[in-house]
Amino acid sequence: MSLSPPTSGTGIPEEATPRVTLQTLRRMARAREPFACLTCYDATTARWLARGGVHVLLAGDTAAEVVLGMARTIDMPLDVLLALTAGVKRGAPKCVVMGDMPFMSYQSDDATAIRNAGRFLTEGLADIVKIEADARLADRIGKIVHAGIPVCGHVGSRPQYVALTGGYAAAGRTPDAARQVVDDAVALERAGCAMLLVEAVPAEVTEAVLARTTVPVIGIGAGPACHGQVLVLQDLVGMSERPPRFAEPVASLGRSFQDAGAEWVSRVSRRSIGGQGYRMLGGSPPGVEAGRADGVEGVAHQGERSATAKDVAGNT
C-alpha cells in the first residue's frame, strides 16, 4: 500500500487541490478560462473525475436512462436522484456539484418547487440546482433564489418537455426560435439564476445568449464559445450505444468493460481467479486433509466421504 497521499490528475496531492465554488466559476468566466463539466451519478466515479480536474459534476436526470435503465428521463424518481447527488458530493467534495431537478419536482406550484430545491442542498449536498425553464417560470425561479438556493437555468432544448415536442430535437434553428431562446436566458438571469445551461442550439444562438447575459453559461451541443462545456459521461467514455451527434467519445470503456467481463468468465471457468488467498492459522479445518490447498477439491472429497459413510450405514 502506497504511503504517498492521493494525487489529482495534475500530480498535486488531493488535499492541496483548491476547492471549486460558484465564485470560482464566475472568475473563470470573466477571465475567459473554460471550465469542464460532466454528468456523474456515484461517489467512486466522482472521485476519479475530480482527480482529472473536472470542475463541475452534474447529477443529472439522465440517471433514469444510464443508471436505472428507464426509457425516459422524465421517469427519474426525486428521492433516488437526491441520494445519487449526495453520493457524488461525498466522492468529490471539492467540485461544484449540480443537482438536476427532475420532472414534476418544480412544475406544480411555488411551495413544492422551493421545498424540493431545498432538499437538493440539504439531503443531496448540492451546491446549485438545475431547472429546465423558459421565461414563463422566471417568477418561480426568483422565489427559489429568494429562499437562498442557487439556480442554473436550462434553456434551448429541454428534454423534460419532449411530450410537447414529440421527441428530442435541437432548438433555436429559426430566427423566431432563436430569439425565444435568448429571451428565455435573459429572463432567467434577471430572475436570479447564478448560471445558465444552453442545450442543442446553433453556435450563433449561443453567442447571442453570451452577448445578452453576464452569468457563466454552460453548453451541451451548443458550440465552443460557452464558458463551460458538459457531456453525459457515458457518451464521452464510449459506453453509450447511440451517443448524440455533438458527443465525440475519447475512450472505449464499454468495450473495456465487456473485455474485462469476458476475462473474468474465462478465469472463473479455469479456476484461476488470481489475487492472493488466505491461509489457515494453526492447522487445517475439521474434515479437510492436512496440507490440502485446493478448497474445492477438499469439499469434493468431503462430500465423497459423507456419501461413503451413508452407504456403509445403509448396508449395516
C-alpha atoms as a PDB file:
ATOM      1  CA  MET A   1       0.000   0.000   0.000  1.00  0.00           C
ATOM      2  CA  SER A   2       1.376   3.397  -1.013  1.00  0.00           C
ATOM      3  CA  LEU A   3       2.141   5.867   1.754  1.00  0.00           C
ATOM      4  CA  SER A   4       2.035   8.774  -0.684  1.00  0.00           C
ATOM      5  CA  PRO A   5      -1.083  10.983  -0.493  1.00  0.00           C
ATOM      6  CA  PRO A   6      -3.586  10.553  -3.329  1.00  0.00           C
ATOM      7  CA  THR A   7      -2.969  12.932  -6.192  1.00  0.00           C
ATOM      8  CA  SER A   8      -5.158  14.636  -8.740  1.00  0.00           C
ATOM      9  CA  GLY A   9      -4.635  14.186 -12.463  1.00  0.00           C
ATOM     10  CA  THR A  10      -2.150  17.045 -12.321  1.00  0.00           C
ATOM     11  CA  GLY A  11       0.027  15.203  -9.812  1.00  0.00           C
ATOM     12  CA  ILE A  12      -0.940  17.594  -7.000  1.00  0.00           C
ATOM     13  CA  PRO A  13      -1.922  15.897  -3.709  1.00  0.00           C
ATOM     14  CA  GLU A  14      -5.712  15.913  -3.347  1.00  0.00           C
ATOM     15  CA  GLU A  15      -5.620  17.795  -0.050  1.00  0.00           C
ATOM     16  CA  ALA A  16      -3.740  20.602  -1.850  1.00  0.00           C
ATOM     17  CA  THR A  17      -6.228  20.789  -4.719  1.00  0.00           C
ATOM     18  CA  PRO A  18      -8.202  24.026  -4.407  1.00  0.00           C
ATOM     19  CA  ARG A  19     -11.956  23.862  -3.857  1.00  0.00           C
ATOM     20  CA  VAL A  20     -14.072  24.928  -6.825  1.00  0.00           C
ATOM     21  CA  THR A  21     -17.025  27.146  -5.943  1.00  0.00           C
ATOM     22  CA  LEU A  22     -19.632  29.145  -7.841  1.00  0.00           C
ATOM     23  CA  GLN A  23     -17.408  32.152  -7.276  1.00  0.00           C
ATOM     24  CA  THR A  24     -14.521  30.240  -8.881  1.00  0.00           C
ATOM     25  CA  LEU A  25     -16.640  29.612 -11.965  1.00  0.00           C
ATOM     26  CA  ARG A  26     -17.607  33.283 -12.179  1.00  0.00           C
ATOM     27  CA  ARG A  27     -13.943  34.282 -12.034  1.00  0.00           C
ATOM     28  CA  MET A  28     -13.070  31.747 -14.729  1.00  0.00           C
ATOM     29  CA  ALA A  29     -15.885  33.031 -16.938  1.00  0.00           C
ATOM     30  CA  ARG A  30     -14.705  36.629 -16.569  1.00  0.00           C
ATOM     31  CA  ALA A  31     -11.150  35.551 -17.393  1.00  0.00           C
ATOM     32  CA  ARG A  32     -12.429  33.590 -20.432  1.00  0.00           C
ATOM     33  CA  GLU A  33     -10.957  30.409 -18.950  1.00  0.00           C
ATOM     34  CA  PRO A  34     -13.209  27.474 -19.911  1.00  0.00           C
ATOM     35  CA  PHE A  35     -14.347  25.077 -17.197  1.00  0.00           C
ATOM     36  CA  ALA A  36     -15.285  21.425 -17.618  1.00  0.00           C
ATOM     37  CA  CYS A  37     -18.475  19.731 -16.512  1.00  0.00           C
ATOM     38  CA  LEU A  38     -19.592  16.093 -16.766  1.00  0.00           C
ATOM     39  CA  THR A  39     -22.565  14.145 -15.537  1.00  0.00           C
ATOM     40  CA  CYS A  40     -21.867  11.782 -12.664  1.00  0.00           C
ATOM     41  CA  TYR A  41     -24.024   9.501 -10.542  1.00  0.00           C
ATOM     42  CA  ASP A  42     -21.813   7.856  -7.889  1.00  0.00           C
ATOM     43  CA  ALA A  43     -19.029   8.599  -5.429  1.00  0.00           C
ATOM     44  CA  THR A  44     -16.337   6.388  -6.974  1.00  0.00           C
ATOM     45  CA  THR A  45     -16.653   7.890 -10.442  1.00  0.00           C
ATOM     46  CA  ALA A  46     -16.848  11.371  -8.922  1.00  0.00           C
ATOM     47  CA  ARG A  47     -13.559  10.813  -7.122  1.00  0.00           C
ATOM     48  CA  TRP A  48     -11.763   9.865 -10.339  1.00  0.00           C
ATOM     49  CA  LEU A  49     -13.279  12.719 -12.341  1.00  0.00           C
ATOM     50  CA  ALA A  50     -12.234  15.169  -9.636  1.00  0.00           C
ATOM     51  CA  ARG A  51      -8.696  13.792  -9.816  1.00  0.00           C
ATOM     52  CA  GLY A  52      -8.854  14.500 -13.547  1.00  0.00           C
ATOM     53  CA  GLY A  53      -9.558  18.153 -12.844  1.00  0.00           C
ATOM     54  CA  VAL A  54     -13.251  18.310 -13.786  1.00  0.00           C
ATOM     55  CA  HIS A  55     -14.707  21.444 -12.206  1.00  0.00           C
ATOM     56  CA  VAL A  56     -18.451  20.710 -12.151  1.00  0.00           C
ATOM     57  CA  LEU A  57     -20.276  17.401 -11.738  1.00  0.00           C
ATOM     58  CA  LEU A  58     -23.930  17.275 -12.759  1.00  0.00           C
ATOM     59  CA  ALA A  59     -26.010  14.576 -11.084  1.00  0.00           C
ATOM     60  CA  GLY A  60     -28.433  14.611 -13.975  1.00  0.00           C
ATOM     61  CA  ASP A  61     -31.848  13.121 -14.541  1.00  0.00           C
ATOM     62  CA  THR A  62     -30.164  11.131 -17.311  1.00  0.00           C
ATOM     63  CA  ALA A  63     -29.533   8.698 -14.462  1.00  0.00           C
ATOM     64  CA  ALA A  64     -33.027   7.431 -15.266  1.00  0.00           C
ATOM     65  CA  GLU A  65     -31.629   6.031 -18.504  1.00  0.00           C
ATOM     66  CA  VAL A  66     -27.972   5.249 -17.828  1.00  0.00           C
ATOM     67  CA  VAL A  67     -28.300   4.044 -14.211  1.00  0.00           C
ATOM     68  CA  LEU A  68     -31.872   2.807 -13.791  1.00  0.00           C
ATOM     69  CA  GLY A  69     -32.412   1.555 -17.343  1.00  0.00           C
ATOM     70  CA  MET A  70     -35.559   3.588 -17.948  1.00  0.00           C
ATOM     71  CA  ALA A  71     -36.568   4.738 -21.408  1.00  0.00           C
ATOM     72  CA  ARG A  72     -37.155   8.393 -20.489  1.00  0.00           C
ATOM     73  CA  THR A  73     -35.509  10.954 -18.244  1.00  0.00           C
ATOM     74  CA  ILE A  74     -38.931  12.142 -17.046  1.00  0.00           C
ATOM     75  CA  ASP A  75     -39.300   8.887 -15.089  1.00  0.00           C
ATOM     76  CA  MET A  76     -36.431   9.784 -12.733  1.00  0.00           C
ATOM     77  CA  PRO A  77     -37.583   9.446  -9.080  1.00  0.00           C
ATOM     78  CA  LEU A  78     -36.806  12.510  -6.976  1.00  0.00           C
ATOM     79  CA  ASP A  79     -35.684  10.588  -3.880  1.00  0.00           C
ATOM     80  CA  VAL A  80     -33.322   8.403  -5.890  1.00  0.00           C
ATOM     81  CA  LEU A  81     -31.736  11.405  -7.585  1.00  0.00           C
ATOM     82  CA  LEU A  82     -31.266  13.101  -4.221  1.00  0.00           C
ATOM     83  CA  ALA A  83     -29.355  10.069  -2.954  1.00  0.00           C
ATOM     84  CA  LEU A  84     -27.217   9.901  -6.105  1.00  0.00           C
ATOM     85  CA  THR A  85     -26.419  13.621  -5.873  1.00  0.00           C
ATOM     86  CA  ALA A  86     -25.245  13.267  -2.281  1.00  0.00           C
ATOM     87  CA  GLY A  87     -23.029  10.352  -3.272  1.00  0.00           C
ATOM     88  CA  VAL A  88     -21.381  12.455  -5.970  1.00  0.00           C
ATOM     89  CA  LYS A  89     -20.629  15.242  -3.496  1.00  0.00           C
ATOM     90  CA  ARG A  90     -19.178  12.802  -0.985  1.00  0.00           C
ATOM     91  CA  GLY A  91     -16.892  11.433  -3.697  1.00  0.00           C
ATOM     92  CA  ALA A  92     -15.823  14.864  -4.935  1.00  0.00           C
ATOM     93  CA  PRO A  93     -16.267  17.375  -2.091  1.00  0.00           C
ATOM     94  CA  LYS A  94     -14.104  19.995  -3.787  1.00  0.00           C
ATOM     95  CA  CYS A  95     -16.065  20.050  -7.054  1.00  0.00           C
ATOM     96  CA  VAL A  96     -19.185  22.081  -7.698  1.00  0.00           C
ATOM     97  CA  VAL A  97     -21.998  19.523  -7.689  1.00  0.00           C
ATOM     98  CA  MET A  98     -25.164  20.446  -9.546  1.00  0.00           C
ATOM     99  CA  GLY A  99     -28.427  18.704  -8.704  1.00  0.00           C
ATOM    100  CA  ASP A 100     -30.843  18.260 -11.590  1.00  0.00           C
ATOM    101  CA  MET A 101     -34.451  18.822 -10.534  1.00  0.00           C
ATOM    102  CA  PRO A 102     -36.440  16.028 -12.192  1.00  0.00           C
ATOM    103  CA  PHE A 103     -39.766  16.197 -13.974  1.00  0.00           C
ATOM    104  CA  MET A 104     -42.674  17.388 -11.795  1.00  0.00           C
ATOM    105  CA  SER A 105     -40.415  18.282  -8.862  1.00  0.00           C
ATOM    106  CA  TYR A 106     -40.870  22.023  -9.547  1.00  0.00           C
ATOM    107  CA  GLN A 107     -43.648  22.473 -12.113  1.00  0.00           C
ATOM    108  CA  SER A 108     -46.761  22.200  -9.934  1.00  0.00           C
ATOM    109  CA  ASP A 109     -46.518  25.177  -7.562  1.00  0.00           C
ATOM    110  CA  ASP A 110     -44.093  27.548  -5.865  1.00  0.00           C
ATOM    111  CA  ALA A 111     -44.087  25.839  -2.468  1.00  0.00           C
ATOM    112  CA  THR A 112     -43.324  22.413  -3.913  1.00  0.00           C
ATOM    113  CA  ALA A 113     -40.575  23.827  -6.106  1.00  0.00           C
ATOM    114  CA  ILE A 114     -38.903  25.650  -3.206  1.00  0.00           C
ATOM    115  CA  ARG A 115     -39.175  22.634  -0.919  1.00  0.00           C
ATOM    116  CA  ASN A 116     -37.701  20.210  -3.450  1.00  0.00           C
ATOM    117  CA  ALA A 117     -34.943  22.591  -4.488  1.00  0.00           C
ATOM    118  CA  GLY A 118     -34.016  22.976  -0.840  1.00  0.00           C
ATOM    119  CA  ARG A 119     -33.848  19.205  -0.440  1.00  0.00           C
ATOM    120  CA  PHE A 120     -31.117  19.114  -3.083  1.00  0.00           C
ATOM    121  CA  LEU A 121     -28.971  21.367  -0.897  1.00  0.00           C
ATOM    122  CA  THR A 122     -29.723  19.652   2.430  1.00  0.00           C
ATOM    123  CA  GLU A 123     -30.213  15.976   1.545  1.00  0.00           C
ATOM    124  CA  GLY A 124     -28.440  15.989  -1.824  1.00  0.00           C
ATOM    125  CA  LEU A 125     -25.498  18.143  -0.650  1.00  0.00           C
ATOM    126  CA  ALA A 126     -25.651  20.009  -3.961  1.00  0.00           C
ATOM    127  CA  ASP A 127     -24.093  23.435  -4.493  1.00  0.00           C
ATOM    128  CA  ILE A 128     -26.661  24.504  -7.093  1.00  0.00           C
ATOM    129  CA  VAL A 129     -29.780  23.091  -8.740  1.00  0.00           C
ATOM    130  CA  LYS A 130     -30.563  22.978 -12.453  1.00  0.00           C
ATOM    131  CA  ILE A 131     -34.086  23.701 -13.678  1.00  0.00           C
ATOM    132  CA  GLU A 132     -35.366  23.368 -17.240  1.00  0.00           C
ATOM    133  CA  ALA A 133     -37.353  26.543 -17.790  1.00  0.00           C
ATOM    134  CA  ASP A 134     -38.385  29.356 -20.063  1.00  0.00           C
ATOM    135  CA  ALA A 135     -39.416  32.930 -19.318  1.00  0.00           C
ATOM    136  CA  ARG A 136     -42.807  31.776 -18.006  1.00  0.00           C
ATOM    137  CA  LEU A 137     -41.113  30.130 -14.992  1.00  0.00           C
ATOM    138  CA  ALA A 138     -38.948  33.156 -14.188  1.00  0.00           C
ATOM    139  CA  ASP A 139     -41.145  34.253 -11.279  1.00  0.00           C
ATOM    140  CA  ARG A 140     -40.976  30.810  -9.648  1.00  0.00           C
ATOM    141  CA  ILE A 141     -37.225  30.639 -10.093  1.00  0.00           C
ATOM    142  CA  GLY A 142     -36.965  34.067  -8.493  1.00  0.00           C
ATOM    143  CA  LYS A 143     -38.752  32.732  -5.412  1.00  0.00           C
ATOM    144  CA  ILE A 144     -36.408  29.718  -5.245  1.00  0.00           C
ATOM    145  CA  VAL A 145     -33.410  32.046  -5.400  1.00  0.00           C
ATOM    146  CA  HIS A 146     -35.004  34.303  -2.768  1.00  0.00           C
ATOM    147  CA  ALA A 147     -35.106  31.240  -0.500  1.00  0.00           C
ATOM    148  CA  GLY A 148     -31.302  31.067  -0.731  1.00  0.00           C
ATOM    149  CA  ILE A 149     -30.972  28.329  -3.351  1.00  0.00           C
ATOM    150  CA  PRO A 150     -28.602  28.915  -6.311  1.00  0.00           C
ATOM    151  CA  VAL A 151     -30.185  28.007  -9.651  1.00  0.00           C
ATOM    152  CA  CYS A 152     -28.818  27.158 -13.084  1.00  0.00           C
ATOM    153  CA  GLY A 153     -31.480  27.874 -15.686  1.00  0.00           C
ATOM    154  CA  HIS A 154     -31.617  25.337 -18.543  1.00  0.00           C
ATOM    155  CA  VAL A 155     -32.756  26.806 -21.892  1.00  0.00           C
ATOM    156  CA  GLY A 156     -32.770  25.714 -25.510  1.00  0.00           C
ATOM    157  CA  SER A 157     -33.657  22.071 -25.973  1.00  0.00           C
ATOM    158  CA  ARG A 158     -35.338  20.840 -22.788  1.00  0.00           C
ATOM    159  CA  PRO A 159     -35.626  17.027 -22.578  1.00  0.00           C
ATOM    160  CA  GLN A 160     -38.305  17.134 -19.865  1.00  0.00           C
ATOM    161  CA  TYR A 161     -40.663  18.698 -22.398  1.00  0.00           C
ATOM    162  CA  VAL A 162     -40.370  16.016 -25.093  1.00  0.00           C
ATOM    163  CA  ALA A 163     -44.029  15.094 -24.665  1.00  0.00           C
ATOM    164  CA  LEU A 164     -44.892  18.513 -26.110  1.00  0.00           C
ATOM    165  CA  THR A 165     -42.372  18.433 -28.932  1.00  0.00           C
ATOM    166  CA  GLY A 166     -42.841  14.802 -29.965  1.00  0.00           C
ATOM    167  CA  GLY A 167     -39.228  13.852 -29.198  1.00  0.00           C
ATOM    168  CA  TYR A 168     -35.759  15.192 -28.527  1.00  0.00           C
ATOM    169  CA  ALA A 169     -34.792  17.886 -31.026  1.00  0.00           C
ATOM    170  CA  ALA A 170     -32.496  20.857 -31.415  1.00  0.00           C
ATOM    171  CA  ALA A 171     -33.812  24.325 -30.544  1.00  0.00           C
ATOM    172  CA  GLY A 172     -33.381  27.849 -31.868  1.00  0.00           C
ATOM    173  CA  ARG A 173     -32.913  26.903 -35.514  1.00  0.00           C
ATOM    174  CA  THR A 174     -35.231  29.587 -36.925  1.00  0.00           C
ATOM    175  CA  PRO A 175     -34.977  33.327 -36.252  1.00  0.00           C
ATOM    176  CA  ASP A 176     -38.096  33.311 -34.057  1.00  0.00           C
ATOM    177  CA  ALA A 177     -36.995  30.203 -32.152  1.00  0.00           C
ATOM    178  CA  ALA A 178     -33.517  31.649 -31.661  1.00  0.00           C
ATOM    179  CA  ARG A 179     -34.986  34.871 -30.311  1.00  0.00           C
ATOM    180  CA  GLN A 180     -37.076  32.865 -27.857  1.00  0.00           C
ATOM    181  CA  VAL A 181     -34.035  31.005 -26.510  1.00  0.00           C
ATOM    182  CA  VAL A 182     -32.177  34.278 -25.974  1.00  0.00           C
ATOM    183  CA  ASP A 183     -35.201  35.917 -24.335  1.00  0.00           C
ATOM    184  CA  ASP A 184     -35.600  32.924 -22.016  1.00  0.00           C
ATOM    185  CA  ALA A 185     -31.952  33.128 -20.986  1.00  0.00           C
ATOM    186  CA  VAL A 186     -32.218  36.849 -20.271  1.00  0.00           C
ATOM    187  CA  ALA A 187     -35.408  36.359 -18.239  1.00  0.00           C
ATOM    188  CA  LEU A 188     -33.890  33.590 -16.151  1.00  0.00           C
ATOM    189  CA  GLU A 189     -30.776  35.621 -15.381  1.00  0.00           C
ATOM    190  CA  ARG A 190     -32.961  38.554 -14.348  1.00  0.00           C
ATOM    191  CA  ALA A 191     -34.877  36.176 -12.082  1.00  0.00           C
ATOM    192  CA  GLY A 192     -31.633  35.477 -10.252  1.00  0.00           C
ATOM    193  CA  CYS A 193     -30.069  32.437 -11.932  1.00  0.00           C
ATOM    194  CA  ALA A 194     -26.405  32.133 -10.997  1.00  0.00           C
ATOM    195  CA  MET A 195     -25.636  30.150 -14.140  1.00  0.00           C
ATOM    196  CA  LEU A 196     -27.257  29.132 -17.407  1.00  0.00           C
ATOM    197  CA  LEU A 197     -27.106  25.937 -19.458  1.00  0.00           C
ATOM    198  CA  VAL A 198     -27.862  26.028 -23.183  1.00  0.00           C
ATOM    199  CA  GLU A 199     -28.608  22.756 -24.943  1.00  0.00           C
ATOM    200  CA  ALA A 200     -28.639  21.764 -28.625  1.00  0.00           C
ATOM    201  CA  VAL A 201     -28.749  25.137 -30.332  1.00  0.00           C
ATOM    202  CA  PRO A 202     -26.730  26.586 -33.229  1.00  0.00           C
ATOM    203  CA  ALA A 203     -23.489  28.276 -32.232  1.00  0.00           C
ATOM    204  CA  GLU A 204     -24.871  31.647 -33.343  1.00  0.00           C
ATOM    205  CA  VAL A 205     -27.684  31.360 -30.791  1.00  0.00           C
ATOM    206  CA  THR A 206     -25.190  30.614 -28.040  1.00  0.00           C
ATOM    207  CA  GLU A 207     -23.157  33.653 -28.993  1.00  0.00           C
ATOM    208  CA  ALA A 208     -26.302  35.784 -28.790  1.00  0.00           C
ATOM    209  CA  VAL A 209     -27.027  34.389 -25.313  1.00  0.00           C
ATOM    210  CA  LEU A 210     -23.479  35.207 -24.235  1.00  0.00           C
ATOM    211  CA  ALA A 211     -23.831  38.733 -25.584  1.00  0.00           C
ATOM    212  CA  ARG A 212     -27.062  39.363 -23.664  1.00  0.00           C
ATOM    213  CA  THR A 213     -26.184  37.750 -20.308  1.00  0.00           C
ATOM    214  CA  THR A 214     -23.461  38.136 -17.685  1.00  0.00           C
ATOM    215  CA  VAL A 215     -23.507  34.844 -15.732  1.00  0.00           C
ATOM    216  CA  PRO A 216     -21.443  31.746 -16.622  1.00  0.00           C
ATOM    217  CA  VAL A 217     -23.024  29.774 -19.462  1.00  0.00           C
ATOM    218  CA  ILE A 218     -22.555  26.014 -19.856  1.00  0.00           C
ATOM    219  CA  GLY A 219     -23.141  24.478 -23.254  1.00  0.00           C
ATOM    220  CA  ILE A 220     -24.049  21.000 -24.431  1.00  0.00           C
ATOM    221  CA  GLY A 221     -24.251  20.676 -28.185  1.00  0.00           C
ATOM    222  CA  ALA A 222     -24.238  24.473 -28.346  1.00  0.00           C
ATOM    223  CA  GLY A 223     -20.888  25.281 -29.933  1.00  0.00           C
ATOM    224  CA  PRO A 224     -17.473  26.017 -28.426  1.00  0.00           C
ATOM    225  CA  ALA A 225     -17.995  29.581 -27.192  1.00  0.00           C
ATOM    226  CA  CYS A 226     -19.629  28.811 -23.821  1.00  0.00           C
ATOM    227  CA  HIS A 227     -17.776  29.420 -20.582  1.00  0.00           C
ATOM    228  CA  GLY A 228     -18.196  25.738 -19.677  1.00  0.00           C
ATOM    229  CA  GLN A 229     -18.969  22.520 -21.537  1.00  0.00           C
ATOM    230  CA  VAL A 230     -20.868  19.466 -20.314  1.00  0.00           C
ATOM    231  CA  LEU A 231     -21.492  15.989 -21.696  1.00  0.00           C
ATOM    232  CA  VAL A 232     -23.153  12.881 -20.384  1.00  0.00           C
ATOM    233  CA  LEU A 233     -20.220  10.867 -19.048  1.00  0.00           C
ATOM    234  CA  GLN A 234     -21.278   7.655 -20.790  1.00  0.00           C
ATOM    235  CA  ASP A 235     -21.280   9.474 -24.134  1.00  0.00           C
ATOM    236  CA  LEU A 236     -17.760  10.786 -23.534  1.00  0.00           C
ATOM    237  CA  VAL A 237     -16.178   7.486 -22.468  1.00  0.00           C
ATOM    238  CA  GLY A 238     -17.733   5.254 -25.104  1.00  0.00           C
ATOM    239  CA  MET A 239     -20.415   3.483 -23.080  1.00  0.00           C
ATOM    240  CA  SER A 240     -23.471   4.751 -24.977  1.00  0.00           C
ATOM    241  CA  GLU A 241     -24.909   2.662 -27.790  1.00  0.00           C
ATOM    242  CA  ARG A 242     -26.034   5.734 -29.755  1.00  0.00           C
ATOM    243  CA  PRO A 243     -24.408   8.942 -28.491  1.00  0.00           C
ATOM    244  CA  PRO A 244     -25.808  12.259 -29.751  1.00  0.00           C
ATOM    245  CA  ARG A 245     -24.179  13.896 -32.737  1.00  0.00           C
ATOM    246  CA  PHE A 246     -22.412  16.512 -30.614  1.00  0.00           C
ATOM    247  CA  ALA A 247     -20.683  13.975 -28.313  1.00  0.00           C
ATOM    248  CA  GLU A 248     -17.303  12.726 -29.522  1.00  0.00           C
ATOM    249  CA  PRO A 249     -16.055   9.815 -27.354  1.00  0.00           C
ATOM    250  CA  VAL A 250     -12.496   9.997 -26.015  1.00  0.00           C
ATOM    251  CA  ALA A 251     -12.380   6.387 -24.777  1.00  0.00           C
ATOM    252  CA  SER A 252     -13.991   2.983 -25.370  1.00  0.00           C
ATOM    253  CA  LEU A 253     -14.857   1.923 -21.842  1.00  0.00           C
ATOM    254  CA  GLY A 254     -17.890  -0.022 -22.981  1.00  0.00           C
ATOM    255  CA  ARG A 255     -15.664  -2.450 -24.855  1.00  0.00           C
ATOM    256  CA  SER A 256     -13.190  -2.432 -21.962  1.00  0.00           C
ATOM    257  CA  PHE A 257     -15.940  -3.490 -19.550  1.00  0.00           C
ATOM    258  CA  GLN A 258     -17.024  -6.190 -21.981  1.00  0.00           C
ATOM    259  CA  ASP A 259     -13.461  -7.477 -22.300  1.00  0.00           C
ATOM    260  CA  ALA A 260     -12.977  -7.420 -18.527  1.00  0.00           C
ATOM    261  CA  GLY A 261     -16.188  -9.380 -18.044  1.00  0.00           C
ATOM    262  CA  ALA A 262     -15.139 -11.944 -20.627  1.00  0.00           C
ATOM    263  CA  GLU A 263     -11.717 -12.302 -18.979  1.00  0.00           C
ATOM    264  CA  TRP A 264     -13.339 -12.905 -15.585  1.00  0.00           C
ATOM    265  CA  VAL A 265     -15.644 -15.537 -17.072  1.00  0.00           C
ATOM    266  CA  SER A 266     -12.576 -17.265 -18.514  1.00  0.00           C
ATOM    267  CA  ARG A 267     -10.660 -17.122 -15.219  1.00  0.00           C
ATOM    268  CA  VAL A 268     -13.580 -18.495 -13.258  1.00  0.00           C
ATOM    269  CA  SER A 269     -14.073 -21.329 -15.732  1.00  0.00           C
ATOM    270  CA  ARG A 270     -10.378 -22.247 -15.372  1.00  0.00           C
ATOM    271  CA  ARG A 271     -10.440 -21.863 -11.570  1.00  0.00           C
ATOM    272  CA  SER A 272      -7.639 -19.326 -11.972  1.00  0.00           C
ATOM    273  CA  ILE A 273      -9.123 -16.293 -10.285  1.00  0.00           C
ATOM    274  CA  GLY A 274      -5.827 -14.563  -9.459  1.00  0.00           C
ATOM    275  CA  GLY A 275      -5.048 -12.410  -6.446  1.00  0.00           C
ATOM    276  CA  GLN A 276      -3.841 -13.674  -3.078  1.00  0.00           C
ATOM    277  CA  GLY A 277      -5.832 -16.032  -0.885  1.00  0.00           C
ATOM    278  CA  TYR A 278      -5.886 -16.569   2.877  1.00  0.00           C
ATOM    279  CA  ARG A 279      -4.093 -19.266   4.894  1.00  0.00           C
ATOM    280  CA  MET A 280      -5.207 -21.130   7.990  1.00  0.00           C
ATOM    281  CA  LEU A 281      -3.539 -20.293  11.276  1.00  0.00           C
ATOM    282  CA  GLY A 282      -2.773 -23.393  13.320  1.00  0.00           C
ATOM    283  CA  GLY A 283      -3.708 -26.357  11.162  1.00  0.00           C
ATOM    284  CA  SER A 284      -6.478 -27.438   8.796  1.00  0.00           C
ATOM    285  CA  PRO A 285     -10.213 -27.096   9.426  1.00  0.00           C
ATOM    286  CA  PRO A 286     -12.139 -30.191  10.552  1.00  0.00           C
ATOM    287  CA  GLY A 287     -12.921 -32.616   7.742  1.00  0.00           C
ATOM    288  CA  VAL A 288     -10.172 -31.376   5.411  1.00  0.00           C
ATOM    289  CA  GLU A 289      -6.982 -33.388   4.959  1.00  0.00           C
ATOM    290  CA  ALA A 290      -3.890 -31.633   6.276  1.00  0.00           C
ATOM    291  CA  GLY A 291      -1.814 -29.967   3.606  1.00  0.00           C
ATOM    292  CA  ARG A 292      -4.632 -29.836   1.009  1.00  0.00           C
ATOM    293  CA  ALA A 293      -4.566 -26.372  -0.596  1.00  0.00           C
ATOM    294  CA  ASP A 294      -7.409 -26.731  -3.074  1.00  0.00           C
ATOM    295  CA  GLY A 295     -10.560 -25.837  -1.155  1.00  0.00           C
ATOM    296  CA  VAL A 296     -12.843 -27.026  -3.951  1.00  0.00           C
ATOM    297  CA  GLU A 297     -11.106 -30.398  -4.088  1.00  0.00           C
ATOM    298  CA  GLY A 298     -11.297 -30.682  -0.278  1.00  0.00           C
ATOM    299  CA  VAL A 299     -15.024 -30.020  -0.313  1.00  0.00           C
ATOM    300  CA  ALA A 300     -15.489 -32.558  -3.099  1.00  0.00           C
ATOM    301  CA  HIS A 301     -13.633 -35.258  -1.168  1.00  0.00           C
ATOM    302  CA  GLN A 302     -15.521 -34.376   1.981  1.00  0.00           C
ATOM    303  CA  GLY A 303     -18.728 -34.938   0.034  1.00  0.00           C
ATOM    304  CA  GLU A 304     -17.407 -38.284  -1.202  1.00  0.00           C
ATOM    305  CA  ARG A 305     -16.579 -39.357   2.374  1.00  0.00           C
ATOM    306  CA  SER A 306     -20.038 -38.363   3.525  1.00  0.00           C
ATOM    307  CA  ALA A 307     -21.594 -40.364   0.733  1.00  0.00           C
ATOM    308  CA  THR A 308     -19.432 -43.366   1.611  1.00  0.00           C
ATOM    309  CA  ALA A 309     -20.446 -43.135   5.267  1.00  0.00           C
ATOM    310  CA  LYS A 310     -24.103 -43.089   4.244  1.00  0.00           C
ATOM    311  CA  ASP A 311     -23.583 -46.149   2.050  1.00  0.00           C
ATOM    312  CA  VAL A 312     -21.962 -48.012   4.928  1.00  0.00           C
ATOM    313  CA  ALA A 313     -24.762 -47.033   7.273  1.00  0.00           C
ATOM    314  CA  GLY A 314     -27.330 -48.162   4.739  1.00  0.00           C
ATOM    315  CA  ASN A 315     -25.692 -51.598   4.434  1.00  0.00           C
ATOM    316  CA  THR A 316     -25.491 -52.134   8.179  1.00  0.00           C
END
